[in-house]
């Protein structure tokens, strides 16, 4: 069996099962060293809890890394507070340094509770990265960091950083096609986290990502993102954007601002009509306000290829208000002949 086929088989197994294939036969004894994907998640640590002493966790992961023969294409580390205390920051720092020297393409670091996971600056030496996912982590890009030149997708969930640093981190990824900055955690999890230094991003920093095709945002993570014109302006300057997911939780959309720097509704509509490439749009936590309806109206008018607008109303929206919201949406003109509006 060719080595690349063996690697594909091993990569589809849970890590602990892939390593155990060494007992199948003499020929398979060291086949597991051809793994290219390492996923250290809750299931893996539960397996270790049943078979090894907690003090051995770090040593086991280090030995796995050192025994692999080929490129480590994907590395996932998902921990709770207890696992993090067992491993320690020094182990994690060594692993990231090792990965940065071995051309890793796909990285995920996730911490669920307690203090955030402080990532070392070695992370910013992984210049071959194509996919990066950081969940409840703290980052501090070094002054020498000039971006990830090959990064295609970036997911940031409760990433702590100074606002200016987080913005520079994002806009220095010229090939980025998918950006996800949605809050995906339940409230009871967030209450157990220190998010006082959660980074925010400015409109102009996302607007630089001209290659972006998928954008998912919690608007509360953007700096001064309160106006419907600002939201529409953001969409209008992303020429390749096809999928948009906006979460309005903790964000009150206000009227059009009186500043000349922000486009008025008429200017936005006349300048962008027929130019948006949007296919799918999802809005979360809408309350059916006038300004929210205006935003949907302008997206419908300027998106001839749109297939669906999904709307998840705010939990406080009463049935009568939801009905009035639905009636307002039915009256809106649509540039796309096939678009559906689903008020869920």
C-alpha atoms as a PDB file:
ATOM      1  CA  UNK A   1       0.000   0.000   0.000  1.00  0.00           C
ATOM      2  CA  UNK A   2       1.494   3.405  -0.968  1.00  0.00           C
ATOM      3  CA  UNK A   3       2.605   5.626   1.905  1.00  0.00           C
ATOM      4  CA  UNK A   4       0.217   8.441   0.956  1.00  0.00           C
ATOM      5  CA  UNK A   5      -2.728   6.020   1.162  1.00  0.00           C
ATOM      6  CA  UNK A   6      -1.580   4.796   4.584  1.00  0.00           C
ATOM      7  CA  UNK A   7      -1.321   8.404   5.774  1.00  0.00           C
ATOM      8  CA  UNK A   8      -4.860   9.159   4.617  1.00  0.00           C
ATOM      9  CA  UNK A   9      -6.188   6.106   6.452  1.00  0.00           C
ATOM     10  CA  UNK A  10      -4.355   7.008   9.657  1.00  0.00           C
ATOM     11  CA  UNK A  11      -5.457  10.653   9.511  1.00  0.00           C
ATOM     12  CA  UNK A  12      -9.101   9.573   9.479  1.00  0.00           C
ATOM     13  CA  UNK A  13      -8.742   7.677  12.764  1.00  0.00           C
ATOM     14  CA  UNK A  14      -8.801   9.158  16.269  1.00  0.00           C
ATOM     15  CA  UNK A  15      -5.189   9.779  17.230  1.00  0.00           C
ATOM     16  CA  UNK A  16      -5.083   7.105  19.934  1.00  0.00           C
ATOM     17  CA  UNK A  17      -6.491   4.518  17.501  1.00  0.00           C
ATOM     18  CA  UNK A  18      -4.010   5.503  14.788  1.00  0.00           C
ATOM     19  CA  UNK A  19      -1.085   4.900  17.155  1.00  0.00           C
ATOM     20  CA  UNK A  20      -2.531   1.544  18.220  1.00  0.00           C
ATOM     21  CA  UNK A  21      -2.373   0.264  14.623  1.00  0.00           C
ATOM     22  CA  UNK A  22       1.235  -0.595  15.492  1.00  0.00           C
ATOM     23  CA  UNK A  23      -0.014  -3.822  17.109  1.00  0.00           C
ATOM     24  CA  UNK A  24      -1.694  -5.081  13.924  1.00  0.00           C
ATOM     25  CA  UNK A  25       1.446  -6.641  12.444  1.00  0.00           C
ATOM     26  CA  UNK A  26       5.189  -6.208  12.150  1.00  0.00           C
ATOM     27  CA  UNK A  27       4.712  -4.225   8.928  1.00  0.00           C
ATOM     28  CA  UNK A  28       2.355  -1.812  10.669  1.00  0.00           C
ATOM     29  CA  UNK A  29       4.468  -1.349  13.783  1.00  0.00           C
ATOM     30  CA  UNK A  30       5.725   2.125  12.851  1.00  0.00           C
ATOM     31  CA  UNK A  31       3.170   3.098  10.215  1.00  0.00           C
ATOM     32  CA  UNK A  32       1.605   5.560  12.669  1.00  0.00           C
ATOM     33  CA  UNK A  33       4.720   7.733  12.333  1.00  0.00           C
ATOM     34  CA  UNK A  34       3.380   8.736   8.899  1.00  0.00           C
ATOM     35  CA  UNK A  35       0.507  10.666  10.495  1.00  0.00           C
ATOM     36  CA  UNK A  36       0.111  14.178   9.109  1.00  0.00           C
ATOM     37  CA  UNK A  37      -2.743  15.322  11.369  1.00  0.00           C
ATOM     38  CA  UNK A  38      -2.610  15.474  15.159  1.00  0.00           C
ATOM     39  CA  UNK A  39      -5.814  16.206  17.090  1.00  0.00           C
ATOM     40  CA  UNK A  40      -5.381  16.501  20.852  1.00  0.00           C
ATOM     41  CA  UNK A  41      -8.958  17.111  21.947  1.00  0.00           C
ATOM     42  CA  UNK A  42     -11.252  16.186  24.809  1.00  0.00           C
ATOM     43  CA  UNK A  43     -11.585  12.565  23.608  1.00  0.00           C
ATOM     44  CA  UNK A  44      -7.812  12.161  23.443  1.00  0.00           C
ATOM     45  CA  UNK A  45      -7.275  13.519  26.958  1.00  0.00           C
ATOM     46  CA  UNK A  46     -10.107  11.348  28.303  1.00  0.00           C
ATOM     47  CA  UNK A  47      -8.296   8.351  26.800  1.00  0.00           C
ATOM     48  CA  UNK A  48      -5.054   9.400  28.511  1.00  0.00           C
ATOM     49  CA  UNK A  49      -6.905   9.840  31.793  1.00  0.00           C
ATOM     50  CA  UNK A  50      -7.891   6.158  31.674  1.00  0.00           C
ATOM     51  CA  UNK A  51      -4.470   4.838  30.660  1.00  0.00           C
ATOM     52  CA  UNK A  52      -1.730   7.214  31.863  1.00  0.00           C
ATOM     53  CA  UNK A  53      -0.765   9.383  34.808  1.00  0.00           C
ATOM     54  CA  UNK A  54      -1.570  13.059  34.341  1.00  0.00           C
ATOM     55  CA  UNK A  55       2.083  13.975  34.782  1.00  0.00           C
ATOM     56  CA  UNK A  56       2.859  12.067  31.569  1.00  0.00           C
ATOM     57  CA  UNK A  57       0.563  14.074  29.265  1.00  0.00           C
ATOM     58  CA  UNK A  58       3.178  16.558  28.080  1.00  0.00           C
ATOM     59  CA  UNK A  59       5.845  13.906  27.569  1.00  0.00           C
ATOM     60  CA  UNK A  60       3.478  11.730  25.503  1.00  0.00           C
ATOM     61  CA  UNK A  61       2.569  14.570  23.135  1.00  0.00           C
ATOM     62  CA  UNK A  62       6.222  15.593  22.783  1.00  0.00           C
ATOM     63  CA  UNK A  63       7.247  12.028  21.920  1.00  0.00           C
ATOM     64  CA  UNK A  64       4.485  11.768  19.329  1.00  0.00           C
ATOM     65  CA  UNK A  65       5.709  14.941  17.643  1.00  0.00           C
ATOM     66  CA  UNK A  66       9.337  13.828  17.593  1.00  0.00           C
ATOM     67  CA  UNK A  67       8.568  10.399  16.113  1.00  0.00           C
ATOM     68  CA  UNK A  68       6.601  11.637  13.106  1.00  0.00           C
ATOM     69  CA  UNK A  69       8.457  11.289   9.812  1.00  0.00           C
ATOM     70  CA  UNK A  70       6.670  13.640   7.449  1.00  0.00           C
ATOM     71  CA  UNK A  71       5.171  17.119   7.458  1.00  0.00           C
ATOM     72  CA  UNK A  72       2.609  17.833  10.163  1.00  0.00           C
ATOM     73  CA  UNK A  73      -0.131  19.375   8.055  1.00  0.00           C
ATOM     74  CA  UNK A  74      -2.687  19.828  10.848  1.00  0.00           C
ATOM     75  CA  UNK A  75      -2.349  20.327  14.605  1.00  0.00           C
ATOM     76  CA  UNK A  76      -5.281  20.773  17.006  1.00  0.00           C
ATOM     77  CA  UNK A  77      -4.968  21.413  20.745  1.00  0.00           C
ATOM     78  CA  UNK A  78      -8.245  21.774  22.641  1.00  0.00           C
ATOM     79  CA  UNK A  79      -8.080  22.054  26.427  1.00  0.00           C
ATOM     80  CA  UNK A  80     -10.066  22.861  29.503  1.00  0.00           C
ATOM     81  CA  UNK A  81      -8.632  24.619  32.552  1.00  0.00           C
ATOM     82  CA  UNK A  82      -7.559  21.357  34.208  1.00  0.00           C
ATOM     83  CA  UNK A  83      -5.717  20.015  31.157  1.00  0.00           C
ATOM     84  CA  UNK A  84      -3.920  23.335  30.714  1.00  0.00           C
ATOM     85  CA  UNK A  85      -2.676  23.197  34.309  1.00  0.00           C
ATOM     86  CA  UNK A  86      -1.307  19.699  33.671  1.00  0.00           C
ATOM     87  CA  UNK A  87       0.473  20.590  30.438  1.00  0.00           C
ATOM     88  CA  UNK A  88       1.814  24.023  31.282  1.00  0.00           C
ATOM     89  CA  UNK A  89       2.784  26.884  29.019  1.00  0.00           C
ATOM     90  CA  UNK A  90       6.368  25.673  28.524  1.00  0.00           C
ATOM     91  CA  UNK A  91       5.235  22.463  26.806  1.00  0.00           C
ATOM     92  CA  UNK A  92       2.909  24.384  24.499  1.00  0.00           C
ATOM     93  CA  UNK A  93       5.666  26.862  23.652  1.00  0.00           C
ATOM     94  CA  UNK A  94       8.009  24.028  22.638  1.00  0.00           C
ATOM     95  CA  UNK A  95       5.329  22.400  20.466  1.00  0.00           C
ATOM     96  CA  UNK A  96       4.590  25.615  18.598  1.00  0.00           C
ATOM     97  CA  UNK A  97       8.307  26.169  18.023  1.00  0.00           C
ATOM     98  CA  UNK A  98       8.576  22.631  16.645  1.00  0.00           C
ATOM     99  CA  UNK A  99       5.560  23.160  14.369  1.00  0.00           C
ATOM    100  CA  UNK A 100       6.906  26.477  13.080  1.00  0.00           C
ATOM    101  CA  UNK A 101       9.996  24.646  11.829  1.00  0.00           C
ATOM    102  CA  UNK A 102       8.043  21.863  10.138  1.00  0.00           C
ATOM    103  CA  UNK A 103       5.763  23.718   7.734  1.00  0.00           C
ATOM    104  CA  UNK A 104       2.441  23.246   9.540  1.00  0.00           C
ATOM    105  CA  UNK A 105      -0.536  24.273   7.351  1.00  0.00           C
ATOM    106  CA  UNK A 106      -3.526  24.081   9.712  1.00  0.00           C
ATOM    107  CA  UNK A 107      -3.477  25.157  13.376  1.00  0.00           C
ATOM    108  CA  UNK A 108      -6.199  25.192  16.030  1.00  0.00           C
ATOM    109  CA  UNK A 109      -5.758  26.285  19.642  1.00  0.00           C
ATOM    110  CA  UNK A 110      -8.790  26.232  21.914  1.00  0.00           C
ATOM    111  CA  UNK A 111      -9.240  26.784  25.633  1.00  0.00           C
ATOM    112  CA  UNK A 112     -12.666  26.559  27.191  1.00  0.00           C
ATOM    113  CA  UNK A 113     -12.480  27.969  30.737  1.00  0.00           C
ATOM    114  CA  UNK A 114     -10.207  29.746  33.191  1.00  0.00           C
ATOM    115  CA  UNK A 115      -7.600  32.264  32.040  1.00  0.00           C
ATOM    116  CA  UNK A 116      -7.005  32.558  28.277  1.00  0.00           C
ATOM    117  CA  UNK A 117      -4.311  30.553  26.529  1.00  0.00           C
ATOM    118  CA  UNK A 118      -1.321  32.852  26.048  1.00  0.00           C
ATOM    119  CA  UNK A 119       0.285  31.919  22.738  1.00  0.00           C
ATOM    120  CA  UNK A 120       4.037  32.475  22.253  1.00  0.00           C
ATOM    121  CA  UNK A 121       5.436  34.604  19.452  1.00  0.00           C
ATOM    122  CA  UNK A 122       6.624  31.419  17.720  1.00  0.00           C
ATOM    123  CA  UNK A 123       3.079  31.223  16.344  1.00  0.00           C
ATOM    124  CA  UNK A 124       3.869  34.138  14.044  1.00  0.00           C
ATOM    125  CA  UNK A 125       6.766  32.195  12.523  1.00  0.00           C
ATOM    126  CA  UNK A 126       4.394  29.615  10.999  1.00  0.00           C
ATOM    127  CA  UNK A 127       4.438  31.366   7.631  1.00  0.00           C
ATOM    128  CA  UNK A 128       3.134  28.384   5.652  1.00  0.00           C
ATOM    129  CA  UNK A 129      -0.176  28.432   7.519  1.00  0.00           C
ATOM    130  CA  UNK A 130      -3.313  28.212   5.384  1.00  0.00           C
ATOM    131  CA  UNK A 131      -5.889  27.780   8.158  1.00  0.00           C
ATOM    132  CA  UNK A 132      -5.755  29.227  11.682  1.00  0.00           C
ATOM    133  CA  UNK A 133      -8.365  28.918  14.423  1.00  0.00           C
ATOM    134  CA  UNK A 134      -7.908  30.576  17.820  1.00  0.00           C
ATOM    135  CA  UNK A 135     -10.577  30.203  20.507  1.00  0.00           C
ATOM    136  CA  UNK A 136     -10.134  32.036  23.821  1.00  0.00           C
ATOM    137  CA  UNK A 137      -6.465  32.798  23.302  1.00  0.00           C
ATOM    138  CA  UNK A 138      -4.282  35.834  23.973  1.00  0.00           C
ATOM    139  CA  UNK A 139      -1.875  36.987  21.271  1.00  0.00           C
ATOM    140  CA  UNK A 140       0.779  39.657  20.991  1.00  0.00           C
ATOM    141  CA  UNK A 141       2.241  39.821  17.462  1.00  0.00           C
ATOM    142  CA  UNK A 142       5.918  40.846  17.473  1.00  0.00           C
ATOM    143  CA  UNK A 143       6.932  44.075  15.772  1.00  0.00           C
ATOM    144  CA  UNK A 144       8.747  42.003  13.142  1.00  0.00           C
ATOM    145  CA  UNK A 145       5.526  40.229  12.091  1.00  0.00           C
ATOM    146  CA  UNK A 146       4.539  41.106   8.519  1.00  0.00           C
ATOM    147  CA  UNK A 147       1.589  38.755   8.164  1.00  0.00           C
ATOM    148  CA  UNK A 148       0.711  35.238   7.074  1.00  0.00           C
ATOM    149  CA  UNK A 149       1.258  35.354   3.295  1.00  0.00           C
ATOM    150  CA  UNK A 150      -0.535  32.044   2.598  1.00  0.00           C
ATOM    151  CA  UNK A 151      -3.421  32.181   5.083  1.00  0.00           C
ATOM    152  CA  UNK A 152      -6.816  31.368   3.506  1.00  0.00           C
ATOM    153  CA  UNK A 153      -9.116  31.059   6.531  1.00  0.00           C
ATOM    154  CA  UNK A 154      -9.016  32.660   9.967  1.00  0.00           C
ATOM    155  CA  UNK A 155     -11.343  32.051  12.907  1.00  0.00           C
ATOM    156  CA  UNK A 156     -11.067  34.203  16.023  1.00  0.00           C
ATOM    157  CA  UNK A 157     -13.404  33.575  18.954  1.00  0.00           C
ATOM    158  CA  UNK A 158     -12.751  35.600  22.116  1.00  0.00           C
ATOM    159  CA  UNK A 159      -9.179  36.406  21.135  1.00  0.00           C
ATOM    160  CA  UNK A 160      -7.573  38.833  23.550  1.00  0.00           C
ATOM    161  CA  UNK A 161      -5.228  41.462  22.244  1.00  0.00           C
ATOM    162  CA  UNK A 162      -4.815  45.194  22.046  1.00  0.00           C
ATOM    163  CA  UNK A 163      -7.229  46.456  19.389  1.00  0.00           C
ATOM    164  CA  UNK A 164      -4.537  47.876  17.129  1.00  0.00           C
ATOM    165  CA  UNK A 165      -2.593  44.606  17.253  1.00  0.00           C
ATOM    166  CA  UNK A 166      -5.595  42.460  16.351  1.00  0.00           C
ATOM    167  CA  UNK A 167      -6.441  44.706  13.412  1.00  0.00           C
ATOM    168  CA  UNK A 168      -2.897  44.605  12.062  1.00  0.00           C
ATOM    169  CA  UNK A 169      -2.876  40.845  12.521  1.00  0.00           C
ATOM    170  CA  UNK A 170      -5.943  40.504  10.292  1.00  0.00           C
ATOM    171  CA  UNK A 171      -5.151  42.978   7.532  1.00  0.00           C
ATOM    172  CA  UNK A 172      -1.708  41.443   6.942  1.00  0.00           C
ATOM    173  CA  UNK A 173      -3.220  38.292   5.448  1.00  0.00           C
ATOM    174  CA  UNK A 174      -3.553  39.256   1.744  1.00  0.00           C
ATOM    175  CA  UNK A 175      -4.981  35.935   0.492  1.00  0.00           C
ATOM    176  CA  UNK A 176      -7.595  35.552   3.233  1.00  0.00           C
ATOM    177  CA  UNK A 177     -10.845  34.126   1.831  1.00  0.00           C
ATOM    178  CA  UNK A 178     -12.783  33.321   5.017  1.00  0.00           C
ATOM    179  CA  UNK A 179     -12.895  35.357   8.239  1.00  0.00           C
ATOM    180  CA  UNK A 180     -14.956  34.217  11.221  1.00  0.00           C
ATOM    181  CA  UNK A 181     -15.182  36.467  14.274  1.00  0.00           C
ATOM    182  CA  UNK A 182     -18.483  35.231  15.690  1.00  0.00           C
ATOM    183  CA  UNK A 183     -19.050  34.616  19.377  1.00  0.00           C
ATOM    184  CA  UNK A 184     -19.936  30.925  19.412  1.00  0.00           C
ATOM    185  CA  UNK A 185     -19.995  30.207  23.129  1.00  0.00           C
ATOM    186  CA  UNK A 186     -22.982  29.982  25.469  1.00  0.00           C
ATOM    187  CA  UNK A 187     -23.366  32.724  28.066  1.00  0.00           C
ATOM    188  CA  UNK A 188     -22.512  30.467  31.020  1.00  0.00           C
ATOM    189  CA  UNK A 189     -19.121  29.728  29.415  1.00  0.00           C
ATOM    190  CA  UNK A 190     -18.352  33.403  28.799  1.00  0.00           C
ATOM    191  CA  UNK A 191     -19.115  34.237  32.444  1.00  0.00           C
ATOM    192  CA  UNK A 192     -16.197  31.985  33.442  1.00  0.00           C
ATOM    193  CA  UNK A 193     -13.731  33.731  31.141  1.00  0.00           C
ATOM    194  CA  UNK A 194     -11.583  36.820  31.455  1.00  0.00           C
ATOM    195  CA  UNK A 195     -12.514  38.840  28.364  1.00  0.00           C
ATOM    196  CA  UNK A 196     -11.639  42.307  29.659  1.00  0.00           C
ATOM    197  CA  UNK A 197      -8.938  42.681  27.000  1.00  0.00           C
ATOM    198  CA  UNK A 198     -10.913  41.227  24.109  1.00  0.00           C
ATOM    199  CA  UNK A 199      -9.575  42.724  20.899  1.00  0.00           C
ATOM    200  CA  UNK A 200     -11.713  44.786  18.544  1.00  0.00           C
ATOM    201  CA  UNK A 201     -11.247  45.420  14.848  1.00  0.00           C
ATOM    202  CA  UNK A 202     -11.975  48.529  12.811  1.00  0.00           C
ATOM    203  CA  UNK A 203     -14.043  48.640   9.640  1.00  0.00           C
ATOM    204  CA  UNK A 204     -11.117  49.851   7.545  1.00  0.00           C
ATOM    205  CA  UNK A 205      -8.998  46.861   8.576  1.00  0.00           C
ATOM    206  CA  UNK A 206     -11.512  44.303   7.319  1.00  0.00           C
ATOM    207  CA  UNK A 207     -12.129  46.409   4.205  1.00  0.00           C
ATOM    208  CA  UNK A 208      -8.535  45.731   3.113  1.00  0.00           C
ATOM    209  CA  UNK A 209      -9.297  42.022   2.625  1.00  0.00           C
ATOM    210  CA  UNK A 210     -10.238  42.260  -1.049  1.00  0.00           C
ATOM    211  CA  UNK A 211     -10.068  38.479  -1.551  1.00  0.00           C
ATOM    212  CA  UNK A 212     -12.641  37.750   1.173  1.00  0.00           C
ATOM    213  CA  UNK A 213     -15.497  35.433   0.153  1.00  0.00           C
ATOM    214  CA  UNK A 214     -16.899  34.377   3.539  1.00  0.00           C
ATOM    215  CA  UNK A 215     -17.390  36.796   6.443  1.00  0.00           C
ATOM    216  CA  UNK A 216     -18.897  35.911   9.816  1.00  0.00           C
ATOM    217  CA  UNK A 217     -18.948  38.618  12.493  1.00  0.00           C
ATOM    218  CA  UNK A 218     -20.352  39.440  15.879  1.00  0.00           C
ATOM    219  CA  UNK A 219     -20.757  43.188  15.489  1.00  0.00           C
ATOM    220  CA  UNK A 220     -19.927  43.787  19.154  1.00  0.00           C
ATOM    221  CA  UNK A 221     -16.358  42.775  18.276  1.00  0.00           C
ATOM    222  CA  UNK A 222     -16.008  45.661  15.832  1.00  0.00           C
ATOM    223  CA  UNK A 223     -14.949  49.128  16.896  1.00  0.00           C
ATOM    224  CA  UNK A 224     -17.783  51.686  16.445  1.00  0.00           C
ATOM    225  CA  UNK A 225     -19.887  49.394  14.245  1.00  0.00           C
ATOM    226  CA  UNK A 226     -23.315  50.801  15.153  1.00  0.00           C
ATOM    227  CA  UNK A 227     -24.722  52.214  11.946  1.00  0.00           C
ATOM    228  CA  UNK A 228     -26.535  50.456   9.131  1.00  0.00           C
ATOM    229  CA  UNK A 229     -24.575  52.569   6.646  1.00  0.00           C
ATOM    230  CA  UNK A 230     -21.303  51.294   8.136  1.00  0.00           C
ATOM    231  CA  UNK A 231     -22.432  47.692   7.730  1.00  0.00           C
ATOM    232  CA  UNK A 232     -23.519  48.264   4.154  1.00  0.00           C
ATOM    233  CA  UNK A 233     -20.344  50.168   3.376  1.00  0.00           C
ATOM    234  CA  UNK A 234     -18.290  47.222   4.625  1.00  0.00           C
ATOM    235  CA  UNK A 235     -20.130  44.820   2.322  1.00  0.00           C
ATOM    236  CA  UNK A 236     -19.811  47.229  -0.596  1.00  0.00           C
ATOM    237  CA  UNK A 237     -16.007  47.365  -0.455  1.00  0.00           C
ATOM    238  CA  UNK A 238     -15.574  43.572  -0.448  1.00  0.00           C
ATOM    239  CA  UNK A 239     -16.039  42.795  -4.162  1.00  0.00           C
ATOM    240  CA  UNK A 240     -15.786  38.983  -3.890  1.00  0.00           C
ATOM    241  CA  UNK A 241     -17.921  38.478  -0.782  1.00  0.00           C
ATOM    242  CA  UNK A 242     -20.477  35.679  -1.292  1.00  0.00           C
ATOM    243  CA  UNK A 243     -21.467  34.586   2.213  1.00  0.00           C
ATOM    244  CA  UNK A 244     -22.260  36.995   5.057  1.00  0.00           C
ATOM    245  CA  UNK A 245     -23.178  36.073   8.641  1.00  0.00           C
ATOM    246  CA  UNK A 246     -23.756  38.946  11.085  1.00  0.00           C
ATOM    247  CA  UNK A 247     -24.591  38.568  14.763  1.00  0.00           C
ATOM    248  CA  UNK A 248     -26.256  41.646  16.286  1.00  0.00           C
ATOM    249  CA  UNK A 249     -26.106  40.387  19.889  1.00  0.00           C
ATOM    250  CA  UNK A 250     -25.153  43.214  22.285  1.00  0.00           C
ATOM    251  CA  UNK A 251     -25.247  45.601  19.324  1.00  0.00           C
ATOM    252  CA  UNK A 252     -27.924  48.256  18.883  1.00  0.00           C
ATOM    253  CA  UNK A 253     -28.123  49.458  15.293  1.00  0.00           C
ATOM    254  CA  UNK A 254     -28.623  53.217  15.206  1.00  0.00           C
ATOM    255  CA  UNK A 255     -29.708  55.731  12.590  1.00  0.00           C
ATOM    256  CA  UNK A 256     -27.547  56.953   9.736  1.00  0.00           C
ATOM    257  CA  UNK A 257     -24.731  59.072  11.212  1.00  0.00           C
ATOM    258  CA  UNK A 258     -24.503  62.750  10.287  1.00  0.00           C
ATOM    259  CA  UNK A 259     -20.806  62.533   9.372  1.00  0.00           C
ATOM    260  CA  UNK A 260     -19.863  63.001   5.677  1.00  0.00           C
ATOM    261  CA  UNK A 261     -17.296  60.188   5.941  1.00  0.00           C
ATOM    262  CA  UNK A 262     -20.050  57.575   5.999  1.00  0.00           C
ATOM    263  CA  UNK A 263     -22.195  57.033   2.923  1.00  0.00           C
ATOM    264  CA  UNK A 264     -25.843  57.977   3.113  1.00  0.00           C
ATOM    265  CA  UNK A 265     -28.407  55.374   1.973  1.00  0.00           C
ATOM    266  CA  UNK A 266     -28.944  57.054  -1.396  1.00  0.00           C
ATOM    267  CA  UNK A 267     -25.237  57.308  -2.157  1.00  0.00           C
ATOM    268  CA  UNK A 268     -24.602  53.704  -1.143  1.00  0.00           C
ATOM    269  CA  UNK A 269     -27.437  52.416  -3.285  1.00  0.00           C
ATOM    270  CA  UNK A 270     -26.531  54.343  -6.430  1.00  0.00           C
ATOM    271  CA  UNK A 271     -22.850  53.445  -6.213  1.00  0.00           C
ATOM    272  CA  UNK A 272     -23.160  49.718  -5.558  1.00  0.00           C
ATOM    273  CA  UNK A 273     -26.427  48.558  -7.130  1.00  0.00           C
ATOM    274  CA  UNK A 274     -25.908  45.335  -9.018  1.00  0.00           C
ATOM    275  CA  UNK A 275     -22.283  45.006  -7.893  1.00  0.00           C
ATOM    276  CA  UNK A 276     -22.584  42.820  -4.800  1.00  0.00           C
ATOM    277  CA  UNK A 277     -21.785  39.137  -5.302  1.00  0.00           C
ATOM    278  CA  UNK A 278     -23.638  37.917  -2.212  1.00  0.00           C
ATOM    279  CA  UNK A 279     -25.249  34.465  -2.389  1.00  0.00           C
ATOM    280  CA  UNK A 280     -26.190  33.760   1.229  1.00  0.00           C
ATOM    281  CA  UNK A 281     -26.831  36.115   4.154  1.00  0.00           C
ATOM    282  CA  UNK A 282     -27.647  35.279   7.769  1.00  0.00           C
ATOM    283  CA  UNK A 283     -28.598  37.862  10.406  1.00  0.00           C
ATOM    284  CA  UNK A 284     -28.808  36.859  14.072  1.00  0.00           C
ATOM    285  CA  UNK A 285     -30.598  38.574  16.967  1.00  0.00           C
ATOM    286  CA  UNK A 286     -32.570  41.085  14.919  1.00  0.00           C
ATOM    287  CA  UNK A 287     -35.460  42.922  16.576  1.00  0.00           C
ATOM    288  CA  UNK A 288     -37.224  44.137  13.453  1.00  0.00           C
ATOM    289  CA  UNK A 289     -36.331  47.806  13.892  1.00  0.00           C
ATOM    290  CA  UNK A 290     -36.684  50.335  11.093  1.00  0.00           C
ATOM    291  CA  UNK A 291     -32.929  50.574  10.594  1.00  0.00           C
ATOM    292  CA  UNK A 292     -32.540  46.789  10.414  1.00  0.00           C
ATOM    293  CA  UNK A 293     -35.227  46.636   7.734  1.00  0.00           C
ATOM    294  CA  UNK A 294     -33.391  49.404   5.834  1.00  0.00           C
ATOM    295  CA  UNK A 295     -30.211  47.339   5.873  1.00  0.00           C
ATOM    296  CA  UNK A 296     -32.017  44.288   4.485  1.00  0.00           C
ATOM    297  CA  UNK A 297     -33.742  46.478   1.885  1.00  0.00           C
ATOM    298  CA  UNK A 298     -30.469  47.811   0.469  1.00  0.00           C
ATOM    299  CA  UNK A 299     -28.853  44.377   0.419  1.00  0.00           C
ATOM    300  CA  UNK A 300     -31.810  42.993  -1.538  1.00  0.00           C
ATOM    301  CA  UNK A 301     -31.694  45.841  -4.062  1.00  0.00           C
ATOM    302  CA  UNK A 302     -27.946  45.518  -4.658  1.00  0.00           C
ATOM    303  CA  UNK A 303     -27.547  41.713  -4.719  1.00  0.00           C
ATOM    304  CA  UNK A 304     -28.769  40.199  -8.015  1.00  0.00           C
ATOM    305  CA  UNK A 305     -27.230  36.779  -7.256  1.00  0.00           C
ATOM    306  CA  UNK A 306     -28.627  36.434  -3.746  1.00  0.00           C
ATOM    307  CA  UNK A 307     -30.232  33.061  -2.953  1.00  0.00           C
ATOM    308  CA  UNK A 308     -31.267  33.384   0.683  1.00  0.00           C
ATOM    309  CA  UNK A 309     -31.465  35.792   3.589  1.00  0.00           C
ATOM    310  CA  UNK A 310     -31.918  33.924   6.854  1.00  0.00           C
ATOM    311  CA  UNK A 311     -33.043  35.890   9.913  1.00  0.00           C
ATOM    312  CA  UNK A 312     -32.874  34.615  13.487  1.00  0.00           C
ATOM    313  CA  UNK A 313     -34.933  37.084  15.572  1.00  0.00           C
ATOM    314  CA  UNK A 314     -33.965  38.156  19.073  1.00  0.00           C
ATOM    315  CA  UNK A 315     -35.402  35.896  21.780  1.00  0.00           C
ATOM    316  CA  UNK A 316     -37.311  38.844  23.279  1.00  0.00           C
ATOM    317  CA  UNK A 317     -39.275  39.499  20.069  1.00  0.00           C
ATOM    318  CA  UNK A 318     -42.988  38.989  20.709  1.00  0.00           C
ATOM    319  CA  UNK A 319     -45.169  37.058  18.192  1.00  0.00           C
ATOM    320  CA  UNK A 320     -47.021  40.203  17.112  1.00  0.00           C
ATOM    321  CA  UNK A 321     -43.729  42.054  16.560  1.00  0.00           C
ATOM    322  CA  UNK A 322     -42.367  39.107  14.604  1.00  0.00           C
ATOM    323  CA  UNK A 323     -45.478  39.192  12.406  1.00  0.00           C
ATOM    324  CA  UNK A 324     -45.037  42.914  11.729  1.00  0.00           C
ATOM    325  CA  UNK A 325     -41.369  42.293  10.930  1.00  0.00           C
ATOM    326  CA  UNK A 326     -42.330  39.588   8.430  1.00  0.00           C
ATOM    327  CA  UNK A 327     -44.853  41.897   6.742  1.00  0.00           C
ATOM    328  CA  UNK A 328     -42.200  44.593   6.354  1.00  0.00           C
ATOM    329  CA  UNK A 329     -39.850  42.109   4.703  1.00  0.00           C
ATOM    330  CA  UNK A 330     -42.492  40.915   2.227  1.00  0.00           C
ATOM    331  CA  UNK A 331     -42.835  44.447   0.833  1.00  0.00           C
ATOM    332  CA  UNK A 332     -39.163  44.819  -0.074  1.00  0.00           C
ATOM    333  CA  UNK A 333     -38.022  44.894  -3.704  1.00  0.00           C
ATOM    334  CA  UNK A 334     -35.578  42.150  -4.699  1.00  0.00           C
ATOM    335  CA  UNK A 335     -32.962  42.330  -7.445  1.00  0.00           C
ATOM    336  CA  UNK A 336     -32.568  38.548  -7.426  1.00  0.00           C
ATOM    337  CA  UNK A 337     -35.474  36.571  -8.914  1.00  0.00           C
ATOM    338  CA  UNK A 338     -34.740  33.505  -6.755  1.00  0.00           C
ATOM    339  CA  UNK A 339     -33.938  34.963  -3.335  1.00  0.00           C
ATOM    340  CA  UNK A 340     -35.866  33.656  -0.327  1.00  0.00           C
ATOM    341  CA  UNK A 341     -36.256  35.463   3.004  1.00  0.00           C
ATOM    342  CA  UNK A 342     -36.553  33.007   5.878  1.00  0.00           C
ATOM    343  CA  UNK A 343     -37.608  34.488   9.208  1.00  0.00           C
ATOM    344  CA  UNK A 344     -36.966  31.567  11.527  1.00  0.00           C
END
